[in-house]
Amino acid sequence: MTQRFCKTPLALWWRRLPSPAVAFWYHEWVRTLSHPWQLSISDSIDNMIQCPRTLVLVSCVFLLPVSCKADEWVSLFDGKTTAGWKANEKPESFTIENGELKFKGGMAHLFCEKEGFADLKNFEFKAEVKTLPGANSGVFFHTENRGPGGLKKGYEAQINTSFVKDPRKTGSLVDVKDLDKSPTADNEWFEFHLVVSGKRIVVNINGKPVVDYTEEDKPIRKKGREERILSHGPIALQAHDPDSTTYFRNIQIKKLPD
């Protein structure tokens, strides 16, 4: 978890105190203000600090910084197993090799089922990817696992450096916004970075945007692609034909506000 330290107003600290401590503080303070002739402020403070729990809280308020959550990137791959992922068919197409996720063995899709990240709307996805000559793969999102077969629902962001049978190259939103030249090279790692926010989809390769698309209110899709629209759902990584070999590593996800 990525954290940072920040300054927080005392009012916010007060809200974070457990309710018993807040009630005790409030009681002593009101008693002091209402009956100053009966109890001095110094007496109230003495009473407050006699409670060990309150003393600890006072120390936290005045001496310690606040731990504030920053935007978090969460790892989806531990480099050892496919924990948190599920293949819709041919699980043998997804193996671990040298701490990398290897895709080879025929058409299949590996769905992310990690708790809290199995149904996404707005998010960022990053991974390092390497293709061997003739490889084809893709990152599906807002999709759905309906069992064996191709994926009808959601978008596919293409990974294809040199697979000659498909003219849609790396970075394409397949059959929506296609690229005819790949910004990547085979046998070289590249960063694949996908951002989905509202109606906007941005595909970045090695830090540079190659596709920036905003979905229309009523998008028109060709036959067979009618479900290629934004909604919500998991991410799925594609293994293609038996001769296709693709590697993934450093797979990360970050949720964005809805």
Foldseek 3Di string as FASTA:
>chain_A
DDKDWDDDDLVVLLVPDPPVLNVLLVVLVVCCVVCVVVAPPVRSVVVSVVPVVSVVSVCCSPPHTDIDDDFDKDFCAPLQDNPQKDKLDDPVQWDHDRSWTKGADAKIKIWGRPPPAFKAAWKKKKWKKAWAAQAWKWKFFQWDRPGDDDTQAEWTQIDAAHNVVDQFHGRARPQPGGDRHYPDDHPDIWMWMWGHDDQWIFTDINRHTPDIDGDDPCDDGDPSNNNHGHDMGTMMMIRHGNVIMMIIHRIIMTGDDD
